[in-house]
């Protein structure tokens, strides 16, 4: 299992390097009133990290409601248990 994780990490790292190497040209990005020039790879990484952060926060705040453990069953006192 650890070997599969290592292989997956190496493949993802290689794919990430390919994306970075193919997207080095600068792009002009406007955010509200500012205009920023940056490599396209940095823009892709930034938007990916923002999306990941929103996903983690959504899971943290909304996903917690569905994972509550059930309360233990109540014993019936009428049967003398």
PDB file of N, CA and C in Angstrom:
ATOM      1  N   UNK A   1       0.824  -1.197   0.000  1.00  0.00           N
ATOM      2  CA  UNK A   1       0.000   0.000   0.000  1.00  0.00           C
ATOM      3  C   UNK A   1       0.870   1.264   0.000  1.00  0.00           C
ATOM      4  N   UNK A   2       1.951   1.251   0.781  1.00  0.00           N
ATOM      5  CA  UNK A   2       2.841   2.401   0.826  1.00  0.00           C
ATOM      6  C   UNK A   2       3.509   2.611  -0.530  1.00  0.00           C
ATOM      7  N   UNK A   3       3.787   1.517  -1.229  1.00  0.00           N
ATOM      8  CA  UNK A   3       4.413   1.614  -2.545  1.00  0.00           C
ATOM      9  C   UNK A   3       3.460   2.280  -3.543  1.00  0.00           C
ATOM     10  N   UNK A   4       2.172   1.969  -3.461  1.00  0.00           N
ATOM     11  CA  UNK A   4       1.183   2.575  -4.353  1.00  0.00           C
ATOM     12  C   UNK A   4       1.064   4.075  -4.086  1.00  0.00           C
ATOM     13  N   UNK A   5       1.117   4.462  -2.821  1.00  0.00           N
ATOM     14  CA  UNK A   5       1.063   5.882  -2.477  1.00  0.00           C
ATOM     15  C   UNK A   5       2.282   6.617  -3.045  1.00  0.00           C
ATOM     16  N   UNK A   6       3.435   5.995  -2.935  1.00  0.00           N
ATOM     17  CA  UNK A   6       4.652   6.598  -3.459  1.00  0.00           C
ATOM     18  C   UNK A   6       4.567   6.766  -4.974  1.00  0.00           C
ATOM     19  N   UNK A   7       4.080   5.752  -5.660  1.00  0.00           N
ATOM     20  CA  UNK A   7       3.929   5.818  -7.116  1.00  0.00           C
ATOM     21  C   UNK A   7       2.942   6.916  -7.490  1.00  0.00           C
ATOM     22  N   UNK A   8       1.818   7.003  -6.775  1.00  0.00           N
ATOM     23  CA  UNK A   8       0.820   8.035  -7.060  1.00  0.00           C
ATOM     24  C   UNK A   8       1.397   9.434  -6.833  1.00  0.00           C
ATOM     25  N   UNK A   9       2.184   9.603  -5.767  1.00  0.00           N
ATOM     26  CA  UNK A   9       2.789  10.897  -5.485  1.00  0.00           C
ATOM     27  C   UNK A   9       3.790  11.294  -6.561  1.00  0.00           C
ATOM     28  N   UNK A  10       4.578  10.339  -7.040  1.00  0.00           N
ATOM     29  CA  UNK A  10       5.557  10.620  -8.094  1.00  0.00           C
ATOM     30  C   UNK A  10       4.840  10.994  -9.388  1.00  0.00           C
ATOM     31  N   UNK A  11       3.796  10.274  -9.743  1.00  0.00           N
ATOM     32  CA  UNK A  11       3.041  10.572 -10.963  1.00  0.00           C
ATOM     33  C   UNK A  11       2.416  11.967 -10.867  1.00  0.00           C
ATOM     34  N   UNK A  12       1.817  12.294  -9.716  1.00  0.00           N
ATOM     35  CA  UNK A  12       1.217  13.619  -9.551  1.00  0.00           C
ATOM     36  C   UNK A  12       2.273  14.725  -9.585  1.00  0.00           C
ATOM     37  N   UNK A  13       3.437  14.474  -9.011  1.00  0.00           N
ATOM     38  CA  UNK A  13       4.515  15.470  -9.049  1.00  0.00           C
ATOM     39  C   UNK A  13       4.983  15.700 -10.483  1.00  0.00           C
ATOM     40  N   UNK A  14       5.101  14.640 -11.252  1.00  0.00           N
ATOM     41  CA  UNK A  14       5.517  14.780 -12.652  1.00  0.00           C
ATOM     42  C   UNK A  14       4.464  15.547 -13.448  1.00  0.00           C
ATOM     43  N   UNK A  15       3.190  15.221 -13.245  1.00  0.00           N
ATOM     44  CA  UNK A  15       2.125  15.950 -13.938  1.00  0.00           C
ATOM     45  C   UNK A  15       2.114  17.421 -13.526  1.00  0.00           C
ATOM     46  N   UNK A  16       2.342  17.696 -12.261  1.00  0.00           N
ATOM     47  CA  UNK A  16       2.404  19.080 -11.793  1.00  0.00           C
ATOM     48  C   UNK A  16       3.549  19.841 -12.435  1.00  0.00           C
ATOM     49  N   UNK A  17       4.700  19.200 -12.558  1.00  0.00           N
ATOM     50  CA  UNK A  17       5.840  19.848 -13.208  1.00  0.00           C
ATOM     51  C   UNK A  17       5.548  20.121 -14.683  1.00  0.00           C
ATOM     52  N   UNK A  18       4.868  19.210 -15.348  1.00  0.00           N
ATOM     53  CA  UNK A  18       4.509  19.420 -16.752  1.00  0.00           C
ATOM     54  C   UNK A  18       3.599  20.643 -16.880  1.00  0.00           C
ATOM     55  N   UNK A  19       2.611  20.774 -15.994  1.00  0.00           N
ATOM     56  CA  UNK A  19       1.699  21.923 -16.025  1.00  0.00           C
ATOM     57  C   UNK A  19       2.471  23.217 -15.806  1.00  0.00           C
ATOM     58  N   UNK A  20       3.371  23.217 -14.824  1.00  0.00           N
ATOM     59  CA  UNK A  20       4.156  24.428 -14.537  1.00  0.00           C
ATOM     60  C   UNK A  20       5.037  24.790 -15.721  1.00  0.00           C
ATOM     61  N   UNK A  21       5.722  23.823 -16.301  1.00  0.00           N
ATOM     62  CA  UNK A  21       6.630  24.108 -17.411  1.00  0.00           C
ATOM     63  C   UNK A  21       5.894  24.577 -18.671  1.00  0.00           C
ATOM     64  N   UNK A  22       4.658  24.152 -18.842  1.00  0.00           N
ATOM     65  CA  UNK A  22       3.903  24.557 -20.019  1.00  0.00           C
ATOM     66  C   UNK A  22       3.170  25.878 -19.833  1.00  0.00           C
ATOM     67  N   UNK A  23       3.114  26.392 -18.609  1.00  0.00           N
ATOM     68  CA  UNK A  23       2.352  27.610 -18.347  1.00  0.00           C
ATOM     69  C   UNK A  23       3.214  28.665 -17.670  1.00  0.00           C
ATOM     70  N   UNK A  24       4.336  28.997 -18.285  1.00  0.00           N
ATOM     71  CA  UNK A  24       5.240  29.971 -17.686  1.00  0.00           C
ATOM     72  C   UNK A  24       5.027  31.388 -18.209  1.00  0.00           C
ATOM     73  N   UNK A  25       4.248  31.560 -19.274  1.00  0.00           N
ATOM     74  CA  UNK A  25       4.068  32.895 -19.826  1.00  0.00           C
ATOM     75  C   UNK A  25       3.245  33.768 -18.874  1.00  0.00           C
ATOM     76  N   UNK A  26       3.582  35.043 -18.771  1.00  0.00           N
ATOM     77  CA  UNK A  26       2.864  35.931 -17.852  1.00  0.00           C
ATOM     78  C   UNK A  26       1.469  36.272 -18.377  1.00  0.00           C
ATOM     79  N   UNK A  27       0.537  36.395 -17.451  1.00  0.00           N
ATOM     80  CA  UNK A  27      -0.825  36.808 -17.784  1.00  0.00           C
ATOM     81  C   UNK A  27      -1.187  37.982 -16.884  1.00  0.00           C
ATOM     82  N   UNK A  28      -2.004  38.861 -17.414  1.00  0.00           N
ATOM     83  CA  UNK A  28      -2.467  40.012 -16.663  1.00  0.00           C
ATOM     84  C   UNK A  28      -3.816  39.660 -16.040  1.00  0.00           C
ATOM     85  N   UNK A  29      -3.927  39.763 -14.731  1.00  0.00           N
ATOM     86  CA  UNK A  29      -5.140  39.391 -14.017  1.00  0.00           C
ATOM     87  C   UNK A  29      -5.675  40.598 -13.277  1.00  0.00           C
ATOM     88  N   UNK A  30      -6.962  40.856 -13.426  1.00  0.00           N
ATOM     89  CA  UNK A  30      -7.588  41.969 -12.700  1.00  0.00           C
ATOM     90  C   UNK A  30      -8.405  41.401 -11.556  1.00  0.00           C
ATOM     91  N   UNK A  31      -8.111  41.885 -10.357  1.00  0.00           N
ATOM     92  CA  UNK A  31      -8.848  41.503  -9.152  1.00  0.00           C
ATOM     93  C   UNK A  31      -9.383  42.782  -8.536  1.00  0.00           C
ATOM     94  N   UNK A  32     -10.681  42.981  -8.644  1.00  0.00           N
ATOM     95  CA  UNK A  32     -11.352  44.213  -8.210  1.00  0.00           C
ATOM     96  C   UNK A  32     -10.688  45.426  -8.858  1.00  0.00           C
ATOM     97  N   UNK A  33      -9.930  46.208  -8.122  1.00  0.00           N
ATOM     98  CA  UNK A  33      -9.330  47.422  -8.672  1.00  0.00           C
ATOM     99  C   UNK A  33      -7.874  47.244  -9.060  1.00  0.00           C
ATOM    100  N   UNK A  34      -7.275  46.103  -8.729  1.00  0.00           N
ATOM    101  CA  UNK A  34      -5.857  45.885  -8.975  1.00  0.00           C
ATOM    102  C   UNK A  34      -5.650  45.074 -10.244  1.00  0.00           C
ATOM    103  N   UNK A  35      -4.538  45.333 -10.886  1.00  0.00           N
ATOM    104  CA  UNK A  35      -4.122  44.559 -12.047  1.00  0.00           C
ATOM    105  C   UNK A  35      -2.771  43.919 -11.709  1.00  0.00           C
ATOM    106  N   UNK A  36      -2.717  42.591 -11.766  1.00  0.00           N
ATOM    107  CA  UNK A  36      -1.528  41.852 -11.362  1.00  0.00           C
ATOM    108  C   UNK A  36      -1.032  41.044 -12.550  1.00  0.00           C
ATOM    109  N   UNK A  37       0.273  41.091 -12.801  1.00  0.00           N
ATOM    110  CA  UNK A  37       0.883  40.258 -13.831  1.00  0.00           C
ATOM    111  C   UNK A  37       1.664  39.145 -13.146  1.00  0.00           C
ATOM    112  N   UNK A  38       1.337  37.910 -13.525  1.00  0.00           N
ATOM    113  CA  UNK A  38       1.986  36.750 -12.920  1.00  0.00           C
ATOM    114  C   UNK A  38       2.003  35.603 -13.925  1.00  0.00           C
ATOM    115  N   UNK A  39       2.870  34.617 -13.715  1.00  0.00           N
ATOM    116  CA  UNK A  39       2.841  33.431 -14.589  1.00  0.00           C
ATOM    117  C   UNK A  39       1.514  32.683 -14.439  1.00  0.00           C
ATOM    118  N   UNK A  40       1.080  32.104 -15.530  1.00  0.00           N
ATOM    119  CA  UNK A  40      -0.194  31.388 -15.512  1.00  0.00           C
ATOM    120  C   UNK A  40      -0.177  30.235 -14.507  1.00  0.00           C
ATOM    121  N   UNK A  41       0.965  29.595 -14.317  1.00  0.00           N
ATOM    122  CA  UNK A  41       1.061  28.485 -13.364  1.00  0.00           C
ATOM    123  C   UNK A  41       0.781  28.967 -11.943  1.00  0.00           C
ATOM    124  N   UNK A  42       1.243  30.160 -11.602  1.00  0.00           N
ATOM    125  CA  UNK A  42       0.980  30.714 -10.268  1.00  0.00           C
ATOM    126  C   UNK A  42      -0.508  30.995 -10.107  1.00  0.00           C
ATOM    127  N   UNK A  43      -1.139  31.509 -11.153  1.00  0.00           N
ATOM    128  CA  UNK A  43      -2.579  31.762 -11.119  1.00  0.00           C
ATOM    129  C   UNK A  43      -3.355  30.454 -10.943  1.00  0.00           C
ATOM    130  N   UNK A  44      -2.954  29.406 -11.668  1.00  0.00           N
ATOM    131  CA  UNK A  44      -3.609  28.104 -11.524  1.00  0.00           C
ATOM    132  C   UNK A  44      -3.430  27.541 -10.119  1.00  0.00           C
ATOM    133  N   UNK A  45      -2.223  27.649  -9.592  1.00  0.00           N
ATOM    134  CA  UNK A  45      -1.959  27.158  -8.241  1.00  0.00           C
ATOM    135  C   UNK A  45      -2.776  27.935  -7.214  1.00  0.00           C
ATOM    136  N   UNK A  46      -2.824  29.248  -7.358  1.00  0.00           N
ATOM    137  CA  UNK A  46      -3.576  30.075  -6.412  1.00  0.00           C
ATOM    138  C   UNK A  46      -5.060  29.756  -6.410  1.00  0.00           C
ATOM    139  N   UNK A  47      -5.650  29.627  -7.597  1.00  0.00           N
ATOM    140  CA  UNK A  47      -7.074  29.317  -7.656  1.00  0.00           C
ATOM    141  C   UNK A  47      -7.348  27.908  -7.147  1.00  0.00           C
ATOM    142  N   UNK A  48      -6.442  26.983  -7.371  1.00  0.00           N
ATOM    143  CA  UNK A  48      -6.601  25.625  -6.844  1.00  0.00           C
ATOM    144  C   UNK A  48      -6.550  25.621  -5.320  1.00  0.00           C
ATOM    145  N   UNK A  49      -5.622  26.381  -4.747  1.00  0.00           N
ATOM    146  CA  UNK A  49      -5.523  26.449  -3.287  1.00  0.00           C
ATOM    147  C   UNK A  49      -6.746  27.122  -2.668  1.00  0.00           C
ATOM    148  N   UNK A  50      -7.279  28.139  -3.322  1.00  0.00           N
ATOM    149  CA  UNK A  50      -8.494  28.786  -2.825  1.00  0.00           C
ATOM    150  C   UNK A  50      -9.662  27.804  -2.870  1.00  0.00           C
ATOM    151  N   UNK A  51      -9.801  27.064  -3.951  1.00  0.00           N
ATOM    152  CA  UNK A  51     -10.866  26.056  -4.042  1.00  0.00           C
ATOM    153  C   UNK A  51     -10.714  24.966  -3.003  1.00  0.00           C
ATOM    154  N   UNK A  52      -9.486  24.524  -2.764  1.00  0.00           N
ATOM    155  CA  UNK A  52      -9.230  23.506  -1.747  1.00  0.00           C
ATOM    156  C   UNK A  52      -9.611  24.034  -0.368  1.00  0.00           C
ATOM    157  N   UNK A  53      -9.244  25.286  -0.078  1.00  0.00           N
ATOM    158  CA  UNK A  53      -9.565  25.880   1.221  1.00  0.00           C
ATOM    159  C   UNK A  53     -11.074  25.978   1.417  1.00  0.00           C
ATOM    160  N   UNK A  54     -11.812  26.392   0.385  1.00  0.00           N
ATOM    161  CA  UNK A  54     -13.266  26.446   0.493  1.00  0.00           C
ATOM    162  C   UNK A  54     -13.857  25.057   0.720  1.00  0.00           C
ATOM    163  N   UNK A  55     -13.325  24.050   0.061  1.00  0.00           N
ATOM    164  CA  UNK A  55     -13.804  22.685   0.263  1.00  0.00           C
ATOM    165  C   UNK A  55     -13.560  22.190   1.677  1.00  0.00           C
ATOM    166  N   UNK A  56     -12.381  22.482   2.221  1.00  0.00           N
ATOM    167  CA  UNK A  56     -12.064  22.070   3.591  1.00  0.00           C
ATOM    168  C   UNK A  56     -12.974  22.786   4.580  1.00  0.00           C
ATOM    169  N   UNK A  57     -13.159  24.094   4.394  1.00  0.00           N
ATOM    170  CA  UNK A  57     -14.017  24.844   5.301  1.00  0.00           C
ATOM    171  C   UNK A  57     -15.464  24.388   5.217  1.00  0.00           C
ATOM    172  N   UNK A  58     -15.945  24.103   4.018  1.00  0.00           N
ATOM    173  CA  UNK A  58     -17.310  23.612   3.862  1.00  0.00           C
ATOM    174  C   UNK A  58     -17.487  22.271   4.548  1.00  0.00           C
ATOM    175  N   UNK A  59     -16.530  21.390   4.379  1.00  0.00           N
ATOM    176  CA  UNK A  59     -16.597  20.088   5.036  1.00  0.00           C
ATOM    177  C   UNK A  59     -16.530  20.246   6.549  1.00  0.00           C
ATOM    178  N   UNK A  60     -15.701  21.152   7.015  1.00  0.00           N
ATOM    179  CA  UNK A  60     -15.552  21.370   8.455  1.00  0.00           C
ATOM    180  C   UNK A  60     -16.847  21.872   9.073  1.00  0.00           C
ATOM    181  N   UNK A  61     -17.494  22.839   8.418  1.00  0.00           N
ATOM    182  CA  UNK A  61     -18.688  23.430   9.006  1.00  0.00           C
ATOM    183  C   UNK A  61     -19.959  22.647   8.724  1.00  0.00           C
ATOM    184  N   UNK A  62     -20.102  22.077   7.542  1.00  0.00           N
ATOM    185  CA  UNK A  62     -21.335  21.377   7.191  1.00  0.00           C
ATOM    186  C   UNK A  62     -21.237  19.863   7.361  1.00  0.00           C
ATOM    187  N   UNK A  63     -20.075  19.296   7.176  1.00  0.00           N
ATOM    188  CA  UNK A  63     -19.915  17.857   7.259  1.00  0.00           C
ATOM    189  C   UNK A  63     -19.959  17.336   8.676  1.00  0.00           C
ATOM    190  N   UNK A  64     -19.725  18.173   9.667  1.00  0.00           N
ATOM    191  CA  UNK A  64     -19.713  17.743  11.059  1.00  0.00           C
ATOM    192  C   UNK A  64     -21.096  17.323  11.525  1.00  0.00           C
ATOM    193  N   UNK A  65     -22.134  17.879  10.947  1.00  0.00           N
ATOM    194  CA  UNK A  65     -23.503  17.566  11.369  1.00  0.00           C
ATOM    195  C   UNK A  65     -23.887  16.124  11.071  1.00  0.00           C
ATOM    196  N   UNK A  66     -23.359  15.559  10.023  1.00  0.00           N
ATOM    197  CA  UNK A  66     -23.749  14.210   9.635  1.00  0.00           C
ATOM    198  C   UNK A  66     -22.936  13.126  10.336  1.00  0.00           C
ATOM    199  N   UNK A  67     -21.859  13.481  11.027  1.00  0.00           N
ATOM    200  CA  UNK A  67     -20.993  12.490  11.640  1.00  0.00           C
ATOM    201  C   UNK A  67     -21.191  12.357  13.144  1.00  0.00           C
ATOM    202  N   UNK A  68     -22.267  12.840  13.674  1.00  0.00           N
ATOM    203  CA  UNK A  68     -22.504  12.739  15.111  1.00  0.00           C
ATOM    204  C   UNK A  68     -22.855  11.297  15.466  1.00  0.00           C
ATOM    205  N   UNK A  69     -22.245  10.759  16.504  1.00  0.00           N
ATOM    206  CA  UNK A  69     -22.571   9.381  16.889  1.00  0.00           C
ATOM    207  C   UNK A  69     -23.970   9.300  17.496  1.00  0.00           C
ATOM    208  N   UNK A  70     -24.584   8.145  17.322  1.00  0.00           N
ATOM    209  CA  UNK A  70     -25.912   7.942  17.899  1.00  0.00           C
ATOM    210  C   UNK A  70     -25.779   7.777  19.398  1.00  0.00           C
ATOM    211  N   UNK A  71     -26.754   8.290  20.158  1.00  0.00           N
ATOM    212  CA  UNK A  71     -26.695   8.097  21.609  1.00  0.00           C
ATOM    213  C   UNK A  71     -26.918   6.622  21.945  1.00  0.00           C
ATOM    214  N   UNK A  72     -26.372   6.172  23.068  1.00  0.00           N
ATOM    215  CA  UNK A  72     -26.572   4.770  23.431  1.00  0.00           C
ATOM    216  C   UNK A  72     -28.043   4.495  23.716  1.00  0.00           C
ATOM    217  N   UNK A  73     -28.497   3.264  23.471  1.00  0.00           N
ATOM    218  CA  UNK A  73     -29.913   2.948  23.705  1.00  0.00           C
ATOM    219  C   UNK A  73     -30.247   3.046  25.198  1.00  0.00           C
ATOM    220  N   UNK A  74     -31.463   3.511  25.464  1.00  0.00           N
ATOM    221  CA  UNK A  74     -31.927   3.654  26.841  1.00  0.00           C
ATOM    222  C   UNK A  74     -32.545   2.328  27.279  1.00  0.00           C
ATOM    223  N   UNK A  75     -32.141   1.848  28.451  1.00  0.00           N
ATOM    224  CA  UNK A  75     -32.698   0.597  28.965  1.00  0.00           C
ATOM    225  C   UNK A  75     -34.091   0.854  29.512  1.00  0.00           C
ATOM    226  N   UNK A  76     -34.962  -0.110  29.314  1.00  0.00           N
ATOM    227  CA  UNK A  76     -36.327   0.012  29.783  1.00  0.00           C
ATOM    228  C   UNK A  76     -36.372  -0.304  31.271  1.00  0.00           C
ATOM    229  N   UNK A  77     -36.791   0.672  32.085  1.00  0.00           N
ATOM    230  CA  UNK A  77     -36.820   0.484  33.539  1.00  0.00           C
ATOM    231  C   UNK A  77     -38.020  -0.337  33.996  1.00  0.00           C
ATOM    232  N   UNK A  78     -39.032  -0.498  33.163  1.00  0.00           N
ATOM    233  CA  UNK A  78     -40.209  -1.245  33.563  1.00  0.00           C
ATOM    234  C   UNK A  78     -39.929  -2.742  33.615  1.00  0.00           C
ATOM    235  N   UNK A  79     -38.969  -3.216  32.863  1.00  0.00           N
ATOM    236  CA  UNK A  79     -38.666  -4.636  32.860  1.00  0.00           C
ATOM    237  C   UNK A  79     -37.700  -5.008  33.980  1.00  0.00           C
ATOM    238  N   UNK A  80     -37.205  -4.055  34.722  1.00  0.00           N
ATOM    239  CA  UNK A  80     -36.312  -4.316  35.830  1.00  0.00           C
ATOM    240  C   UNK A  80     -34.872  -4.539  35.406  1.00  0.00           C
ATOM    241  N   UNK A  81     -34.500  -4.086  34.279  1.00  0.00           N
ATOM    242  CA  UNK A  81     -33.121  -4.262  33.802  1.00  0.00           C
ATOM    243  C   UNK A  81     -32.234  -3.163  34.265  1.00  0.00           C
TER     244      UNK A  81
END
